[in-house]
Amino acid sequence: MKNKTKNNEDMIGALWKSANKLRDQMDAAEYKHIVLGLIFLKYISDSFLEQKEKIKKIVTNPESDYFISENITDINEKDLEDRDYYTKDNIFWVPESARWETIRNQAKQSDIGSIIDRALGELEGKNRSLKGKLDKRFGRTQLQEGRLGELIDVISTIGFSDKQKAGDILGEVYEYFLGQFATQEGKKGGQFYTPRHIVKILVEVISPLKGRVYDPCCGSGGMFVQSESFVNAHGGRRDDISIYGQESNPTTWRLVAMNLAIRGIAADLGKEPADTFARDQFPDVKFDYIMANPPFNISDWGGEKYESDPRWQFGRPPVGNANYAWLQHMLWKLRPGGQAGVVLANGSMSSNTGGEGQIREAMVRGDVVEVMVALPGQLFLNTQIPVCLWFLTNDKTMNGRDRRGETLFIDARQLGTMDTRVLKVFTDEDIAKIQEIVQSWKTGEDYEDIAGFCKSASLEEIEKNGFILTPGRYCGSAESSVNEEEFLSVFEALTSQLKNQREISSQLDSEIERNLSALRGSS
């Protein structure tokens, strides 16, 4: 299994390098939609052809209810492409103009961009769920002539491997490319891409096994993909959860639709892309699980328009910062006993600007803050702002023991491993450590406070700290496990290293002085 994973990683990395070589004078933000759009087109075409092969076996099997003839040559091609054969298994019906081989055969034509746009339009026309969700910009690409055809050739290399479903490997490609584009785009890319390991923490802690899952600012849909993976890993069924998402950016709204379609994940993304505060696409729906990474500290969220909004149960959020608007919107959308996990900037735990301190106090007194997790820096591709995780619930008597009046604080700043010189990631072991602490605290089974890492605090303790929710205030420092002998050994080694470095520095100073004297002499 490890070899297969490694082979996939090598293939995906090589595919990225091949595709990225073809990008000439085009921003990653633009090129991203060209590449991901083609990957999507490749996927649905592969899925259609795979289903067609299954249909051939069914209609030539005398024991099948759909039997036509044992000889495939006696069967009309149109009979094999009856829409019902595809839609019954949630396979998109792909008109011939949009099939990959058709596109590939025309890849070297000068108008290939317009050909793809027309194909996407026909695809939308045949599949209602895709209507308005495919990005038809190929005819306007700024790629050099012939480059789009070369890109099609590169993407043609993705497909079935070792009897693995095309959707699995294509899903991995899609996610990898999203991450790479986020790296290249910097801040702009990070607005819609949450690192997978951070999403996994939210999913593992909340454990969305059955019910409605909602993300009010869903970006590229990472929360949904991980939720589906979690259900599958725990023996559940795909239809055990229903997925709802909202996204205001029209381009990103299309992106998440394709990302989920590639994995065969059904989701309600609302009738249109829309601002969550202004036009909630699910006004009458409450959710079992909410997971989100809203944009940090946004000031232009239109807060002045929502003075008496019923969502502000704990106080009106400041007009200049949407952090507490997001938190309260999610609490408003929870069903009784529901759970929410939110990524926010660290300032949300302690800020008093615009009445945030009073809102935070009301939330603590209202007993809706369940777990606070401080994370290390360098986790995001687009920002160095330190972040934290808020876990909220409206009923602490559910999903475990009665936890009323208690809040768990976790200081995870010492966890994580540097993946590159500038980026840190959480390993599966790190994520499991956080999840296990939360679970043991919720159930009361074998939970203990750990100095420097976790602390279960009462309302009185939080009140003494002025309702500041920074975990470091509660968890304290880890107890030192270094004895005197170990300390002296380390101290001596460091002293010796310092002495050596000073000697090297002195030698370098002398060498520089000699070189400067020689230069002065020659002049």
Protein backbone atom coordinates (compact mmCIF):
# COMPACT_ATOMS: atom_id res chain seq x y z
CA MET A 1 0.00 0.00 0.00
CA LYS A 2 2.87 2.38 0.82
CA ASN A 3 4.44 1.72 -2.58
CA LYS A 4 1.17 2.47 -4.33
CA THR A 5 0.81 5.73 -2.38
CA LYS A 6 4.40 6.68 -3.20
CA ASN A 7 3.84 5.89 -6.88
CA ASN A 8 0.74 8.07 -6.91
CA GLU A 9 2.63 10.92 -5.25
CA ASP A 10 5.46 10.65 -7.76
CA MET A 11 3.03 10.58 -10.66
CA ILE A 12 1.05 13.56 -9.37
CA GLY A 13 4.22 15.55 -8.72
CA ALA A 14 5.50 14.81 -12.22
CA LEU A 15 2.12 15.75 -13.68
CA TRP A 16 2.21 19.09 -11.88
CA LYS A 17 5.70 19.85 -13.18
CA SER A 18 4.68 18.97 -16.72
CA ALA A 19 1.56 21.12 -16.59
CA ASN A 20 3.28 24.05 -14.91
CA LYS A 21 5.99 24.16 -17.58
CA LEU A 22 3.30 25.14 -20.04
CA ARG A 23 2.30 28.28 -18.15
CA ASP A 24 3.56 31.32 -20.04
CA GLN A 25 2.73 34.89 -19.01
CA MET A 26 -0.42 33.79 -17.19
CA ASP A 27 -1.11 34.25 -13.49
CA ALA A 28 -1.60 31.13 -11.41
CA ALA A 29 -5.09 32.43 -10.56
CA GLU A 30 -6.07 32.23 -14.24
CA TYR A 31 -4.11 29.12 -15.18
CA LYS A 32 -5.61 27.26 -12.23
CA HIS A 33 -9.07 27.26 -13.78
CA ILE A 34 -7.75 26.08 -17.12
CA VAL A 35 -5.94 23.09 -15.60
CA LEU A 36 -8.64 22.14 -13.09
CA GLY A 37 -11.36 22.52 -15.71
CA LEU A 38 -9.56 20.06 -17.98
CA ILE A 39 -9.02 17.62 -15.10
CA PHE A 40 -12.76 17.75 -14.40
CA LEU A 41 -13.57 17.14 -18.06
CA LYS A 42 -11.18 14.16 -18.10
CA TYR A 43 -12.80 12.70 -15.00
CA ILE A 44 -16.42 12.81 -16.13
CA SER A 45 -15.44 11.43 -19.53
CA ASP A 46 -13.56 8.52 -17.90
CA SER A 47 -16.53 7.86 -15.59
CA PHE A 48 -18.92 7.85 -18.53
CA LEU A 49 -16.81 5.35 -20.49
CA GLU A 50 -16.36 3.13 -17.44
CA GLN A 51 -20.13 3.06 -16.98
CA LYS A 52 -20.56 2.27 -20.67
CA GLU A 53 -18.37 -0.82 -20.29
CA LYS A 54 -20.53 -1.95 -17.37
CA ILE A 55 -23.64 -1.47 -19.48
CA LYS A 56 -22.17 -3.65 -22.23
CA LYS A 57 -21.78 -6.48 -19.73
CA ILE A 58 -25.32 -6.01 -18.44
CA VAL A 59 -27.08 -5.96 -21.82
CA THR A 60 -25.17 -9.03 -23.03
CA ASN A 61 -25.90 -11.05 -19.90
CA PRO A 62 -28.94 -13.31 -20.45
CA GLU A 63 -29.68 -13.29 -16.71
CA SER A 64 -29.87 -9.51 -16.56
CA ASP A 65 -33.15 -7.61 -16.55
CA TYR A 66 -31.59 -5.35 -19.19
CA PHE A 67 -30.53 -8.19 -21.53
CA ILE A 68 -30.66 -7.35 -25.26
CA SER A 69 -28.30 -9.78 -27.02
CA GLU A 70 -25.30 -11.91 -26.20
CA ASN A 71 -23.54 -10.50 -29.26
CA ILE A 72 -22.47 -6.91 -28.62
CA THR A 73 -22.30 -6.22 -32.37
CA ASP A 74 -26.08 -6.73 -32.55
CA ILE A 75 -26.69 -3.90 -30.10
CA ASN A 76 -27.26 -0.37 -31.34
CA GLU A 77 -24.79 2.20 -29.97
CA LYS A 78 -27.69 4.43 -28.97
CA ASP A 79 -29.03 1.68 -26.73
CA LEU A 80 -25.74 1.72 -24.82
CA GLU A 81 -26.04 5.44 -24.28
CA ASP A 82 -29.53 5.55 -22.86
CA ARG A 83 -29.38 8.33 -20.25
CA ASP A 84 -31.16 6.22 -17.64
CA TYR A 85 -28.25 3.78 -17.54
CA TYR A 86 -26.01 6.63 -16.36
CA THR A 87 -28.20 8.82 -14.21
CA LYS A 88 -29.40 5.87 -12.10
CA ASP A 89 -25.81 5.48 -10.85
CA ASN A 90 -25.19 9.23 -10.51
CA ILE A 91 -22.94 9.32 -13.56
CA PHE A 92 -22.97 12.51 -15.62
CA TRP A 93 -24.26 11.98 -19.13
CA VAL A 94 -21.52 13.21 -21.46
CA PRO A 95 -22.41 14.23 -25.02
CA GLU A 96 -19.95 13.06 -27.65
CA SER A 97 -18.59 16.58 -28.17
CA ALA A 98 -17.45 16.71 -24.52
CA ARG A 99 -15.82 13.29 -24.35
CA TRP A 100 -12.11 13.36 -23.77
CA GLU A 101 -11.12 11.53 -26.93
CA THR A 102 -13.14 14.01 -28.98
CA ILE A 103 -11.36 16.91 -27.29
CA ARG A 104 -7.97 15.25 -27.58
CA ASN A 105 -8.42 14.57 -31.29
CA GLN A 106 -8.94 18.30 -31.84
CA ALA A 107 -6.26 19.44 -29.39
CA LYS A 108 -3.91 20.80 -32.05
CA GLN A 109 -6.55 22.96 -33.74
CA SER A 110 -6.09 26.70 -33.35
CA ASP A 111 -9.64 27.14 -31.99
CA ILE A 112 -9.40 24.35 -29.37
CA GLY A 113 -10.29 26.83 -26.62
CA SER A 114 -13.61 27.67 -28.23
CA ILE A 115 -14.23 23.97 -28.92
CA ILE A 116 -13.84 23.20 -25.19
CA ASP A 117 -16.14 26.09 -24.21
CA ARG A 118 -18.88 24.77 -26.52
CA ALA A 119 -18.38 21.26 -25.15
CA LEU A 120 -18.77 22.52 -21.59
CA GLY A 121 -21.93 24.37 -22.58
CA GLU A 122 -23.40 21.18 -24.03
CA LEU A 123 -22.37 19.28 -20.91
CA GLU A 124 -24.25 21.76 -18.72
CA GLY A 125 -27.25 21.45 -21.00
CA LYS A 126 -27.38 17.67 -20.48
CA ASN A 127 -26.81 17.73 -16.69
CA ARG A 128 -29.00 20.04 -14.65
CA SER A 129 -26.78 19.85 -11.56
CA LEU A 130 -23.90 21.37 -13.54
CA LYS A 131 -25.91 24.27 -14.93
CA GLY A 132 -23.93 27.50 -14.55
CA LYS A 133 -21.13 25.79 -12.63
CA LEU A 134 -18.54 25.17 -15.36
CA ASP A 135 -15.97 27.86 -16.06
CA LYS A 136 -16.05 28.52 -19.81
CA ARG A 137 -12.95 30.66 -20.29
CA PHE A 138 -10.82 28.46 -22.56
CA GLY A 139 -11.48 30.55 -25.66
CA ARG A 140 -10.02 33.59 -23.91
CA THR A 141 -6.82 31.98 -22.65
CA GLN A 142 -3.56 33.85 -23.05
CA LEU A 143 -1.51 30.69 -23.50
CA GLN A 144 0.79 30.62 -26.50
CA GLU A 145 -0.61 28.86 -29.55
CA GLY A 146 -0.30 25.11 -29.19
CA ARG A 147 0.18 25.20 -25.42
CA LEU A 148 -3.44 24.32 -24.63
CA GLY A 149 -3.07 21.23 -26.84
CA GLU A 150 0.10 20.27 -24.98
CA LEU A 151 -1.75 20.65 -21.68
CA ILE A 152 -4.47 18.33 -22.94
CA ASP A 153 -1.79 15.75 -23.77
CA VAL A 154 -0.38 16.03 -20.22
CA ILE A 155 -3.78 15.56 -18.58
CA SER A 156 -4.48 12.62 -20.88
CA THR A 157 -1.93 10.67 -18.84
CA ILE A 158 -4.26 10.64 -15.80
CA GLY A 159 -6.59 7.68 -15.62
CA PHE A 160 -6.99 4.19 -14.27
CA SER A 161 -4.06 2.76 -12.37
CA ASP A 162 -3.81 -0.66 -10.71
CA LYS A 163 -7.58 -1.08 -10.91
CA GLN A 164 -7.96 2.10 -8.86
CA LYS A 165 -11.02 4.18 -9.56
CA ALA A 166 -10.34 7.10 -11.86
CA GLY A 167 -12.15 9.34 -9.36
CA ASP A 168 -9.73 8.43 -6.57
CA ILE A 169 -6.56 9.35 -8.42
CA LEU A 170 -8.17 12.34 -10.12
CA GLY A 171 -9.37 13.54 -6.74
CA GLU A 172 -5.81 13.34 -5.44
CA VAL A 173 -4.55 15.24 -8.49
CA TYR A 174 -7.22 17.89 -8.01
CA GLU A 175 -6.39 18.42 -4.35
CA TYR A 176 -2.64 18.50 -5.02
CA PHE A 177 -3.09 21.07 -7.76
CA LEU A 178 -5.29 23.22 -5.52
CA GLY A 179 -2.54 23.26 -2.91
CA GLN A 180 0.17 24.06 -5.45
CA PHE A 181 -1.84 26.90 -6.93
CA ALA A 182 -2.50 28.26 -3.45
CA THR A 183 1.27 28.29 -2.88
CA GLN A 184 1.86 30.19 -6.12
CA GLU A 185 -0.98 32.64 -5.61
CA GLY A 186 -0.02 33.49 -2.04
CA LYS A 187 -2.73 35.37 -0.15
CA LYS A 188 -5.20 35.22 -3.01
CA GLY A 189 -4.96 31.44 -3.30
CA GLY A 190 -5.12 30.83 0.44
CA GLN A 191 -8.51 32.53 0.60
CA PHE A 192 -10.12 29.39 -0.77
CA TYR A 193 -7.69 26.66 0.27
CA THR A 194 -7.38 25.39 3.84
CA PRO A 195 -4.43 23.01 4.37
CA ARG A 196 -5.62 19.44 4.53
CA HIS A 197 -4.06 18.71 7.93
CA ILE A 198 -5.94 21.61 9.55
CA VAL A 199 -9.21 20.43 8.02
CA LYS A 200 -8.47 16.96 9.34
CA ILE A 201 -8.18 18.26 12.92
CA LEU A 202 -11.65 19.81 12.67
CA VAL A 203 -13.13 16.68 11.14
CA GLU A 204 -11.50 14.27 13.61
CA VAL A 205 -12.62 16.30 16.64
CA ILE A 206 -16.19 16.90 15.43
CA SER A 207 -16.61 13.37 13.95
CA PRO A 208 -19.36 13.99 11.38
CA LEU A 209 -20.79 10.48 11.06
CA LYS A 210 -24.48 11.11 10.45
CA GLY A 211 -26.50 14.22 9.71
CA ARG A 212 -26.18 17.54 7.93
CA VAL A 213 -22.73 19.07 7.38
CA TYR A 214 -22.47 22.79 6.58
CA ASP A 215 -19.71 25.21 5.63
CA PRO A 216 -20.89 28.84 5.24
CA CYS A 217 -17.70 29.89 3.40
CA CYS A 218 -16.81 26.63 1.71
CA GLY A 219 -14.02 27.71 -0.67
CA SER A 220 -12.85 24.71 -2.69
CA GLY A 221 -14.75 22.22 -0.49
CA GLY A 222 -11.96 20.66 1.57
CA MET A 223 -14.19 20.30 4.65
CA PHE A 224 -16.65 18.21 2.66
CA VAL A 225 -14.02 15.97 1.09
CA GLN A 226 -12.50 15.19 4.49
CA SER A 227 -15.95 14.59 6.02
CA GLU A 228 -16.73 11.99 3.37
CA SER A 229 -13.35 10.35 3.97
CA PHE A 230 -14.04 10.27 7.71
CA VAL A 231 -17.42 8.56 7.22
CA ASN A 232 -15.88 5.97 4.90
CA ALA A 233 -12.97 5.32 7.28
CA HIS A 234 -15.39 4.64 10.14
CA GLY A 235 -17.55 2.18 8.26
CA GLY A 236 -20.35 4.56 7.43
CA ARG A 237 -22.09 5.10 4.11
CA ARG A 238 -21.77 8.09 1.82
CA ASP A 239 -25.46 8.97 2.20
CA ASP A 240 -25.17 9.03 6.01
CA ILE A 241 -24.31 12.72 5.72
CA SER A 242 -25.89 15.50 3.68
CA ILE A 243 -23.63 18.32 2.55
CA TYR A 244 -24.52 22.01 2.35
CA GLY A 245 -22.19 24.83 1.40
CA GLN A 246 -22.25 28.50 0.57
CA GLU A 247 -19.63 30.55 -1.26
CA SER A 248 -19.79 34.20 -2.31
CA ASN A 249 -17.12 34.16 -5.04
CA PRO A 250 -18.70 32.96 -8.32
CA THR A 251 -15.44 31.48 -9.63
CA THR A 252 -14.75 29.60 -6.39
CA TRP A 253 -18.40 28.46 -6.29
CA ARG A 254 -17.80 26.74 -9.63
CA LEU A 255 -14.52 25.34 -8.37
CA VAL A 256 -16.10 23.61 -5.36
CA ALA A 257 -18.85 22.18 -7.57
CA MET A 258 -16.23 20.54 -9.80
CA ASN A 259 -14.11 19.42 -6.85
CA LEU A 260 -17.06 17.58 -5.30
CA ALA A 261 -18.32 16.21 -8.61
CA ILE A 262 -14.91 14.64 -9.27
CA ARG A 263 -15.38 12.58 -6.12
CA GLY A 264 -19.02 11.80 -6.78
CA ILE A 265 -20.05 13.80 -3.71
CA ALA A 266 -23.58 15.22 -3.88
CA ALA A 267 -23.90 18.65 -2.29
CA ASP A 268 -26.36 21.53 -2.10
CA LEU A 269 -24.34 24.69 -2.80
CA GLY A 270 -27.36 26.95 -2.91
CA LYS A 271 -29.07 28.39 -5.98
CA GLU A 272 -26.25 30.85 -6.60
CA PRO A 273 -23.00 32.22 -5.18
CA ALA A 274 -23.99 34.66 -2.45
CA ASP A 275 -22.76 36.50 0.64
CA THR A 276 -23.59 34.40 3.70
CA PHE A 277 -24.57 37.33 5.92
CA ALA A 278 -26.71 39.06 3.29
CA ARG A 279 -28.29 36.09 1.48
CA ASP A 280 -28.26 32.91 3.52
CA GLN A 281 -28.98 30.18 0.95
CA PHE A 282 -30.44 27.88 3.65
CA PRO A 283 -32.47 30.24 5.88
CA ASP A 284 -34.70 27.55 7.35
CA VAL A 285 -32.17 24.73 7.76
CA LYS A 286 -30.29 23.81 10.96
CA PHE A 287 -27.19 21.62 10.92
CA ASP A 288 -25.61 18.83 12.96
CA TYR A 289 -22.03 19.78 12.09
CA ILE A 290 -20.51 23.05 10.93
CA MET A 291 -16.87 23.41 9.90
CA ALA A 292 -15.38 26.55 8.44
CA ASN A 293 -12.29 28.62 7.82
CA PRO A 294 -13.78 32.08 7.27
CA PRO A 295 -11.59 34.94 6.02
CA PHE A 296 -9.73 36.41 9.00
CA ASN A 297 -10.57 39.83 10.43
CA ILE A 298 -12.50 41.09 7.40
CA SER A 299 -13.67 44.69 7.84
CA ASP A 300 -15.84 45.13 4.73
CA TRP A 301 -18.48 42.53 5.58
CA GLY A 302 -21.34 45.05 5.67
CA GLY A 303 -21.80 44.89 9.42
CA GLU A 304 -23.56 48.24 9.52
CA LYS A 305 -26.56 46.64 7.75
CA TYR A 306 -27.30 44.06 10.45
CA GLU A 307 -28.02 46.07 13.58
CA SER A 308 -30.92 43.99 14.87
CA ASP A 309 -30.12 40.64 13.26
CA PRO A 310 -31.56 37.70 15.27
CA ARG A 311 -28.27 35.84 14.81
CA TRP A 312 -26.52 38.17 17.26
CA GLN A 313 -27.65 36.31 20.38
CA PHE A 314 -24.52 37.27 22.31
CA GLY A 315 -24.07 40.83 21.10
CA ARG A 316 -23.77 42.79 17.89
CA PRO A 317 -20.40 42.15 16.18
CA PRO A 318 -18.23 45.20 15.51
CA VAL A 319 -18.72 46.72 12.08
CA GLY A 320 -14.96 46.63 11.50
CA ASN A 321 -14.39 42.90 12.10
CA ALA A 322 -16.50 39.88 11.09
CA ASN A 323 -14.91 37.27 13.37
CA TYR A 324 -17.74 37.26 15.92
CA ALA A 325 -20.33 37.53 13.17
CA TRP A 326 -19.05 34.24 11.76
CA LEU A 327 -19.08 32.57 15.18
CA GLN A 328 -22.61 33.70 15.95
CA HIS A 329 -23.90 32.85 12.48
CA MET A 330 -22.68 29.29 12.98
CA LEU A 331 -24.20 29.02 16.44
CA TRP A 332 -27.49 30.25 14.98
CA LYS A 333 -27.36 27.54 12.31
CA LEU A 334 -26.73 24.64 14.75
CA ARG A 335 -29.53 22.26 15.59
CA PRO A 336 -29.89 21.32 19.30
CA GLY A 337 -26.77 19.36 20.27
CA GLY A 338 -24.96 20.37 17.09
CA GLN A 339 -21.21 21.01 16.94
CA ALA A 340 -19.12 23.61 15.13
CA GLY A 341 -15.38 23.89 14.49
CA VAL A 342 -13.98 27.21 13.25
CA VAL A 343 -10.51 28.41 12.25
CA LEU A 344 -9.90 32.04 13.29
CA ALA A 345 -7.01 34.41 13.88
CA ASN A 346 -5.53 34.32 17.39
CA GLY A 347 -6.77 37.85 18.08
CA SER A 348 -10.31 36.49 18.33
CA MET A 349 -9.41 34.87 21.67
CA SER A 350 -8.47 38.10 23.43
CA SER A 351 -9.53 41.18 21.45
CA ASN A 352 -11.77 43.75 23.15
CA THR A 353 -12.17 45.99 20.10
CA GLY A 354 -15.71 47.00 19.26
CA GLY A 355 -17.24 45.09 22.12
CA GLU A 356 -15.70 41.72 21.19
CA GLY A 357 -14.73 41.14 24.82
CA GLN A 358 -18.37 41.48 25.91
CA ILE A 359 -19.53 39.10 23.19
CA ARG A 360 -16.88 36.57 24.19
CA GLU A 361 -17.95 36.84 27.84
CA ALA A 362 -21.59 36.31 26.88
CA MET A 363 -20.63 33.24 24.85
CA VAL A 364 -18.70 31.76 27.77
CA ARG A 365 -21.52 32.50 30.22
CA GLY A 366 -23.94 31.05 27.67
CA ASP A 367 -21.84 27.86 27.81
CA VAL A 368 -21.41 27.54 24.04
CA VAL A 369 -17.58 27.54 23.94
CA GLU A 370 -16.50 23.92 24.32
CA VAL A 371 -12.85 23.62 23.26
CA MET A 372 -10.16 26.17 22.36
CA VAL A 373 -7.00 25.07 20.55
CA ALA A 374 -3.95 27.28 19.99
CA LEU A 375 -1.99 26.30 16.86
CA PRO A 376 1.65 27.02 15.93
CA GLY A 377 2.62 29.52 13.26
CA GLN A 378 3.64 28.77 9.66
CA LEU A 379 0.65 26.52 8.95
CA PHE A 380 -0.84 28.47 6.06
CA LEU A 381 0.47 29.02 2.57
CA ASN A 382 -0.80 32.58 2.43
CA THR A 383 -0.35 34.16 5.85
CA GLN A 384 1.89 34.09 8.90
CA ILE A 385 -0.99 35.17 11.16
CA PRO A 386 -1.15 32.72 14.11
CA VAL A 387 -4.46 30.87 14.19
CA CYS A 388 -6.63 28.99 16.65
CA LEU A 389 -9.56 26.61 16.57
CA TRP A 390 -12.90 27.31 18.23
CA PHE A 391 -15.16 24.33 18.94
CA LEU A 392 -18.71 25.36 19.80
CA THR A 393 -21.89 23.58 20.86
CA ASN A 394 -25.31 24.63 22.15
CA ASP A 395 -25.69 21.64 24.49
CA LYS A 396 -22.80 20.32 26.60
CA THR A 397 -24.93 17.50 27.95
CA MET A 398 -24.81 15.71 24.59
CA ASN A 399 -21.99 13.84 22.82
CA GLY A 400 -20.47 12.71 26.12
CA ARG A 401 -20.81 13.44 29.81
CA ASP A 402 -22.39 16.57 31.27
CA ARG A 403 -19.73 19.24 30.64
CA ARG A 404 -21.73 22.32 31.58
CA GLY A 405 -19.59 25.05 33.11
CA GLU A 406 -16.37 23.57 31.69
CA THR A 407 -14.17 24.52 28.74
CA LEU A 408 -11.18 22.54 27.49
CA PHE A 409 -8.04 24.45 26.51
CA ILE A 410 -5.34 22.83 24.36
CA ASP A 411 -2.00 24.49 23.64
CA ALA A 412 -0.81 22.71 20.48
CA ARG A 413 1.88 25.26 19.59
CA GLN A 414 4.63 22.71 20.19
CA LEU A 415 3.14 20.20 17.77
CA GLY A 416 3.74 20.04 14.04
CA THR A 417 6.72 19.29 11.80
CA MET A 418 8.44 21.58 9.30
CA ASP A 419 7.54 20.27 5.84
CA THR A 420 9.53 22.98 4.07
CA ARG A 421 11.67 25.86 5.23
CA VAL A 422 8.57 28.03 5.67
CA LEU A 423 5.65 25.61 6.11
CA LYS A 424 4.70 23.45 9.10
CA VAL A 425 2.26 20.52 8.99
CA PHE A 426 0.51 18.36 11.56
CA THR A 427 1.27 14.66 11.34
CA ASP A 428 -1.44 12.04 11.85
CA GLU A 429 0.08 11.45 15.30
CA ASP A 430 -0.30 15.15 16.18
CA ILE A 431 -3.92 15.14 15.02
CA ALA A 432 -4.64 11.94 16.96
CA LYS A 433 -3.17 13.46 20.12
CA ILE A 434 -5.56 16.42 19.92
CA GLN A 435 -8.56 14.25 19.03
CA GLU A 436 -7.90 11.76 21.83
CA ILE A 437 -7.60 14.49 24.46
CA VAL A 438 -10.89 16.05 23.37
CA GLN A 439 -12.62 12.69 23.28
CA SER A 440 -11.38 11.62 26.73
CA TRP A 441 -12.43 15.00 28.15
CA LYS A 442 -15.90 14.74 26.62
CA THR A 443 -16.48 11.23 27.93
CA GLY A 444 -14.60 11.67 31.19
CA GLU A 445 -12.66 8.47 30.53
CA ASP A 446 -8.98 8.72 31.60
CA TYR A 447 -8.80 12.48 31.11
CA GLU A 448 -6.11 14.38 33.03
CA ASP A 449 -4.81 17.92 32.71
CA ILE A 450 -1.30 17.95 31.23
CA ALA A 451 0.89 20.90 32.18
CA GLY A 452 1.79 22.87 29.08
CA PHE A 453 -0.68 21.04 26.85
CA CYS A 454 -4.28 20.81 28.11
CA LYS A 455 -6.46 22.12 30.92
CA SER A 456 -10.16 21.75 31.73
CA ALA A 457 -11.14 25.15 33.14
CA SER A 458 -14.25 26.23 35.01
CA LEU A 459 -16.29 29.36 34.37
CA GLU A 460 -14.77 30.88 37.51
CA GLU A 461 -11.22 30.35 36.20
CA ILE A 462 -12.10 31.92 32.84
CA GLU A 463 -13.75 34.84 34.64
CA LYS A 464 -10.56 35.41 36.66
CA ASN A 465 -8.69 35.67 33.35
CA GLY A 466 -11.04 38.36 32.09
CA PHE A 467 -12.74 35.95 29.66
CA ILE A 468 -9.63 35.78 27.53
CA LEU A 469 -9.58 32.36 25.88
CA THR A 470 -5.90 31.97 25.02
CA PRO A 471 -4.95 28.39 26.02
CA GLY A 472 -1.49 29.39 27.23
CA ARG A 473 -3.11 31.24 30.13
CA TYR A 474 -4.68 28.04 31.41
CA CYS A 475 -2.34 25.25 30.36
CA GLY A 476 0.82 26.82 31.81
CA SER A 477 4.29 25.49 31.02
CA ALA A 478 5.31 21.88 30.62
CA GLU A 479 7.20 20.39 33.53
CA SER A 480 10.86 20.00 32.72
CA SER A 481 11.99 16.39 32.45
CA VAL A 482 15.71 17.26 32.15
CA ASN A 483 17.72 16.31 35.24
CA GLU A 484 20.82 18.17 36.50
CA GLU A 485 23.28 15.75 34.90
CA GLU A 486 21.59 16.08 31.48
CA PHE A 487 21.50 19.84 31.82
CA LEU A 488 25.22 20.07 32.60
CA SER A 489 26.02 17.83 29.64
CA VAL A 490 24.00 20.00 27.25
CA PHE A 491 25.43 23.18 28.77
CA GLU A 492 29.02 21.98 28.31
CA ALA A 493 28.34 20.99 24.69
CA LEU A 494 26.84 24.39 23.90
CA THR A 495 29.72 26.19 25.63
CA SER A 496 32.23 24.20 23.58
CA GLN A 497 30.30 24.96 20.38
CA LEU A 498 30.27 28.67 21.21
CA LYS A 499 34.04 28.66 21.82
CA ASN A 500 34.65 26.99 18.44
CA GLN A 501 32.42 29.46 16.64
CA ARG A 502 34.24 32.40 18.24
CA GLU A 503 37.59 30.99 17.10
CA ILE A 504 36.27 30.60 13.54
CA SER A 505 34.91 34.14 13.68
CA SER A 506 38.30 35.47 14.80
CA GLN A 507 40.05 33.63 11.95
CA LEU A 508 37.59 35.06 9.43
CA ASP A 509 38.10 38.58 10.79
CA SER A 510 41.88 38.20 10.36
CA GLU A 511 41.45 36.85 6.82
CA ILE A 512 39.17 39.75 5.87
CA GLU A 513 41.64 42.27 7.31
CA ARG A 514 44.53 40.72 5.29
CA ASN A 515 42.46 40.86 2.10
CA LEU A 516 41.53 44.50 2.71
CA SER A 517 45.19 45.40 3.39
CA ALA A 518 46.22 43.72 0.13
CA LEU A 519 43.59 45.70 -1.76
CA ARG A 520 44.74 48.99 -0.18
CA GLY A 521 48.33 48.14 -1.05
CA SER A 522 47.53 47.40 -4.72
CA SER A 523 45.65 50.68 -5.09
